[in-house]
């Protein structure tokens, strides 16, 4: 649709504006949300747990992934050539270490600062 509008306008560029497809997508999204209201997904408890910890994961995951990648680069650079090994490893470390750090802080004497540090 955008290519057609751009072609019809005769300009090199047109500013963003809502189109019919945008409106149809928004309506379909809202209707699907209402339609799947009673559907229960598998692993709901685990997803809810991760959701409650998502802000803490968000805050910590970037340095964890950077340092993990650097460690792998220096200690086992061969892993970098195999993305089917490297990517799942980053997912596990990116979720696991922040969750572990949050659990340790939550059980330590600095527990009173947990809500300030991790939301």
Protein backbone atom coordinates (compact mmCIF):
# COMPACT_ATOMS: atom_id res chain seq x y z
CA UNK A 1 0.00 0.00 0.00
CA UNK A 2 2.79 2.44 0.84
CA UNK A 3 4.55 1.79 -2.45
CA UNK A 4 1.32 2.52 -4.30
CA UNK A 5 0.76 5.76 -2.36
CA UNK A 6 4.36 6.80 -2.98
CA UNK A 7 4.02 6.09 -6.68
CA UNK A 8 0.73 8.04 -6.94
CA UNK A 9 2.12 11.02 -5.03
CA UNK A 10 4.98 11.52 -7.49
CA UNK A 11 7.28 12.45 -4.61
CA UNK A 12 10.47 10.80 -3.48
CA UNK A 13 9.15 10.58 0.06
CA UNK A 14 5.83 11.01 1.85
CA UNK A 15 5.35 11.54 5.54
CA UNK A 16 3.86 8.86 7.75
CA UNK A 17 0.09 8.79 7.87
CA UNK A 18 -2.52 6.25 8.77
CA UNK A 19 -3.90 4.16 5.97
CA UNK A 20 -6.73 1.70 5.56
CA UNK A 21 -4.41 -1.25 6.16
CA UNK A 22 -3.24 0.34 9.44
CA UNK A 23 -6.83 0.61 10.61
CA UNK A 24 -7.66 -2.95 9.55
CA UNK A 25 -4.61 -4.29 11.34
CA UNK A 26 -5.52 -2.45 14.55
CA UNK A 27 -9.09 -3.75 14.39
CA UNK A 28 -7.95 -7.32 13.70
CA UNK A 29 -5.48 -7.16 16.58
CA UNK A 30 -8.13 -5.97 19.03
CA UNK A 31 -10.63 -8.57 17.86
CA UNK A 32 -8.06 -11.37 18.14
CA UNK A 33 -7.21 -10.22 21.66
CA UNK A 34 -10.88 -10.44 22.60
CA UNK A 35 -11.33 -13.74 20.75
CA UNK A 36 -8.43 -15.47 22.51
CA UNK A 37 -9.29 -14.18 25.98
CA UNK A 38 -10.19 -17.61 27.40
CA UNK A 39 -7.35 -19.54 25.73
CA UNK A 40 -4.73 -20.80 28.19
CA UNK A 41 -1.19 -21.11 26.92
CA UNK A 42 1.23 -23.82 28.08
CA UNK A 43 3.85 -22.75 30.64
CA UNK A 44 1.66 -19.88 31.83
CA UNK A 45 3.22 -19.79 35.29
CA UNK A 46 6.75 -19.61 33.91
CA UNK A 47 5.77 -16.85 31.50
CA UNK A 48 4.10 -14.91 34.31
CA UNK A 49 7.21 -15.34 36.48
CA UNK A 50 9.46 -14.02 33.73
CA UNK A 51 7.01 -11.19 33.15
CA UNK A 52 7.19 -10.14 36.78
CA UNK A 53 10.99 -10.11 36.54
CA UNK A 54 11.21 -8.54 33.07
CA UNK A 55 12.34 -5.09 34.18
CA UNK A 56 15.22 -6.54 36.19
CA UNK A 57 16.19 -8.77 33.27
CA UNK A 58 16.03 -5.74 30.98
CA UNK A 59 18.34 -3.74 33.25
CA UNK A 60 20.97 -6.44 33.65
CA UNK A 61 20.97 -8.42 30.39
CA UNK A 62 23.04 -6.01 28.30
CA UNK A 63 26.25 -6.11 30.35
CA UNK A 64 25.76 -9.84 30.97
CA UNK A 65 25.56 -10.54 27.23
CA UNK A 66 28.51 -8.29 26.46
CA UNK A 67 30.81 -9.84 29.04
CA UNK A 68 29.67 -13.36 28.18
CA UNK A 69 30.45 -12.73 24.52
CA UNK A 70 33.86 -11.34 25.41
CA UNK A 71 34.64 -14.33 27.62
CA UNK A 72 33.62 -16.73 24.85
CA UNK A 73 35.70 -14.73 22.36
CA UNK A 74 38.81 -15.06 24.52
CA UNK A 75 38.35 -18.57 25.95
CA UNK A 76 36.47 -20.50 23.27
CA UNK A 77 36.35 -18.53 20.00
CA UNK A 78 35.35 -21.62 18.04
CA UNK A 79 31.84 -21.35 19.51
CA UNK A 80 31.37 -18.06 17.63
CA UNK A 81 31.43 -19.97 14.34
CA UNK A 82 28.49 -22.15 15.40
CA UNK A 83 25.49 -19.88 15.85
CA UNK A 84 23.19 -22.78 16.73
CA UNK A 85 25.33 -23.20 19.87
CA UNK A 86 26.22 -19.56 20.51
CA UNK A 87 22.71 -18.07 20.31
CA UNK A 88 21.01 -20.50 22.74
CA UNK A 89 23.95 -20.02 25.09
CA UNK A 90 23.39 -16.26 25.01
CA UNK A 91 19.65 -16.76 25.63
CA UNK A 92 20.31 -18.97 28.63
CA UNK A 93 22.93 -16.66 30.10
CA UNK A 94 20.88 -13.55 29.26
CA UNK A 95 17.93 -14.87 31.26
CA UNK A 96 19.72 -17.04 33.82
CA UNK A 97 22.33 -14.68 35.25
CA UNK A 98 19.95 -11.74 35.78
CA UNK A 99 17.43 -14.06 37.45
CA UNK A 100 20.19 -15.54 39.60
CA UNK A 101 21.46 -12.09 40.60
CA UNK A 102 17.94 -10.95 41.49
CA UNK A 103 17.38 -14.08 43.58
CA UNK A 104 20.69 -13.56 45.41
CA UNK A 105 19.91 -9.92 46.16
CA UNK A 106 16.41 -10.86 47.28
CA UNK A 107 17.88 -13.33 49.81
CA UNK A 108 20.74 -11.11 51.01
CA UNK A 109 20.83 -8.37 53.65
CA UNK A 110 20.50 -5.82 50.83
CA UNK A 111 16.97 -7.08 50.20
CA UNK A 112 15.54 -3.68 51.15
CA UNK A 113 17.16 -2.21 48.00
CA UNK A 114 15.73 -4.91 45.70
CA UNK A 115 12.72 -2.88 44.59
CA UNK A 116 14.92 0.14 43.85
CA UNK A 117 17.42 -1.86 41.85
CA UNK A 118 15.13 -4.18 39.90
CA UNK A 119 11.69 -2.63 40.00
